[in-house]
Protein backbone atom coordinates (compact mmCIF):
# COMPACT_ATOMS: atom_id res chain seq x y z
CA GLN A 1 54.85 41.07 68.38
CA VAL A 2 52.07 43.63 68.41
CA GLN A 3 48.44 42.78 67.69
CA LEU A 4 45.41 44.98 67.18
CA VAL A 5 42.06 43.39 67.99
CA GLU A 6 38.89 45.15 66.89
CA SER A 7 35.35 44.65 68.15
CA GLY A 8 31.94 46.27 67.90
CA GLY A 9 31.00 45.98 64.24
CA GLY A 10 27.65 44.70 63.08
CA LEU A 11 24.41 45.44 61.29
CA VAL A 12 22.43 48.55 62.14
CA GLN A 13 19.62 50.54 60.55
CA ALA A 14 20.20 53.98 59.14
CA GLY A 15 20.16 56.56 61.91
CA GLY A 16 21.46 54.08 64.45
CA SER A 17 24.72 53.96 66.37
CA LEU A 18 27.67 51.62 66.84
CA ARG A 19 30.82 51.81 68.91
CA LEU A 20 34.03 50.23 67.69
CA SER A 21 36.94 49.36 69.95
CA CYS A 22 40.50 48.39 69.11
CA ALA A 23 43.00 47.19 71.67
CA ALA A 24 46.71 46.99 70.94
CA SER A 25 48.67 44.35 72.80
CA GLY A 26 52.28 43.25 72.94
CA SER A 27 55.55 44.73 74.11
CA ILE A 28 54.50 48.29 73.34
CA PHE A 29 56.54 51.17 74.62
CA SER A 30 54.46 53.95 73.06
CA ILE A 31 52.05 54.66 70.21
CA ASN A 32 51.96 57.94 68.32
CA ALA A 33 48.63 57.88 66.49
CA MET A 34 45.72 55.46 66.51
CA GLY A 35 42.81 55.59 64.17
CA TRP A 36 40.24 54.02 61.93
CA TYR A 37 40.11 53.48 58.20
CA ARG A 38 37.31 51.94 56.16
CA GLN A 39 37.01 50.21 52.85
CA ALA A 40 33.75 49.89 50.98
CA PRO A 41 33.32 47.29 48.23
CA GLY A 42 35.11 48.40 45.07
CA LYS A 43 36.64 51.44 46.76
CA GLN A 44 40.01 52.31 48.21
CA ARG A 45 40.67 52.29 51.91
CA GLU A 46 40.12 55.75 53.37
CA LEU A 47 40.85 57.46 56.65
CA VAL A 48 37.81 57.87 58.87
CA ALA A 49 39.35 59.40 61.99
CA ASN A 50 42.51 59.36 64.02
CA ILE A 51 43.88 60.67 67.29
CA ASN A 52 47.43 61.23 68.42
CA SER A 53 48.94 60.63 71.83
CA GLY A 54 48.24 64.24 72.78
CA GLY A 55 44.56 63.94 71.97
CA SER A 56 44.49 65.87 68.70
CA THR A 57 41.95 64.43 66.29
CA SER A 58 41.18 64.53 62.60
CA TYR A 59 38.13 63.33 60.70
CA ALA A 60 37.02 62.67 57.16
CA ASP A 61 34.60 65.38 56.05
CA SER A 62 31.90 62.77 55.52
CA VAL A 63 31.82 61.79 59.21
CA LYS A 64 32.39 65.13 60.94
CA GLY A 65 29.70 65.81 63.51
CA ARG A 66 28.56 62.16 63.55
CA PHE A 67 31.63 60.16 64.60
CA THR A 68 33.87 60.66 67.60
CA VAL A 69 37.29 59.08 68.03
CA SER A 70 38.86 58.69 71.47
CA ARG A 71 41.63 56.65 73.06
CA SER A 72 43.05 55.41 76.30
CA ASN A 73 46.82 55.72 76.30
CA VAL A 74 46.98 53.55 79.42
CA LYS A 75 45.05 50.73 77.76
CA ASN A 76 46.48 51.30 74.25
CA THR A 77 42.91 51.28 73.03
CA VAL A 78 41.13 53.45 70.48
CA TYR A 79 37.37 53.86 70.15
CA LEU A 80 35.08 55.10 67.42
CA GLN A 81 31.59 56.19 68.40
CA MET A 82 29.46 56.28 65.26
CA ASN A 83 26.10 58.04 65.42
CA SER A 84 23.51 58.89 62.78
CA LEU A 85 24.84 56.13 60.60
CA LYS A 86 24.12 56.19 56.89
CA PRO A 87 24.16 53.37 54.31
CA GLU A 88 27.26 54.95 52.77
CA ASP A 89 29.11 54.26 56.03
CA THR A 90 28.97 50.56 55.19
CA GLY A 91 32.34 48.87 54.86
CA VAL A 92 35.12 47.05 56.63
CA TYR A 93 36.60 49.21 59.36
CA TYR A 94 40.29 48.75 60.09
CA CYS A 95 42.14 49.90 63.17
CA ASN A 96 45.59 51.40 62.69
CA ALA A 97 48.40 52.13 65.12
CA ASP A 98 51.11 54.37 63.72
CA GLY A 99 54.52 55.24 65.12
CA VAL A 100 54.59 52.29 67.49
CA ARG A 101 57.74 51.89 69.56
CA VAL A 102 58.26 48.28 70.58
CA ALA A 103 60.41 47.14 73.48
CA MET A 104 63.84 45.83 72.42
CA LEU A 105 63.41 46.98 68.79
CA PRO A 106 64.77 50.13 67.15
CA GLY A 107 62.59 52.49 65.17
CA GLU A 108 58.85 52.83 64.89
CA TYR A 109 56.32 50.56 63.26
CA ASP A 110 52.85 50.63 61.75
CA TYR A 111 50.23 47.98 62.56
CA TRP A 112 46.76 47.10 61.29
CA GLY A 113 43.86 45.18 62.75
CA GLN A 114 42.06 42.43 60.89
CA GLY A 115 39.01 44.57 60.17
CA THR A 116 35.43 44.53 61.38
CA GLN A 117 32.36 44.72 59.16
CA VAL A 118 29.89 47.58 59.58
CA THR A 119 26.69 47.34 57.59
CA VAL A 120 24.08 50.10 57.63
CA SER A 121 20.73 49.21 56.11
CA SER A 122 18.40 51.80 54.64
């Protein structure tokens, strides 16, 4: 069984910063990509940023230059440093681990965290 546990959400004023962390635990052999999605009220879940095992990153246009995604392959942990936050960044942020190879199981799997609330006040 693989679990993703997120931390670091909260309430911050516009222009402030937050750092999210997500640790994957379980009988993990390897993880291809890890990343962050968010869902605002009444909107679909969208990709914020992700990073593959080689360190290549991708970002939503709306967060480029403000957010930085990083990971520790040794710790199976992904981070999201969010700077210059805006009210439109408000939402539930979900951690995702894609292409997870689990010990004793064939194939690859996709896992999600439970979500952490980020609220940016104006």
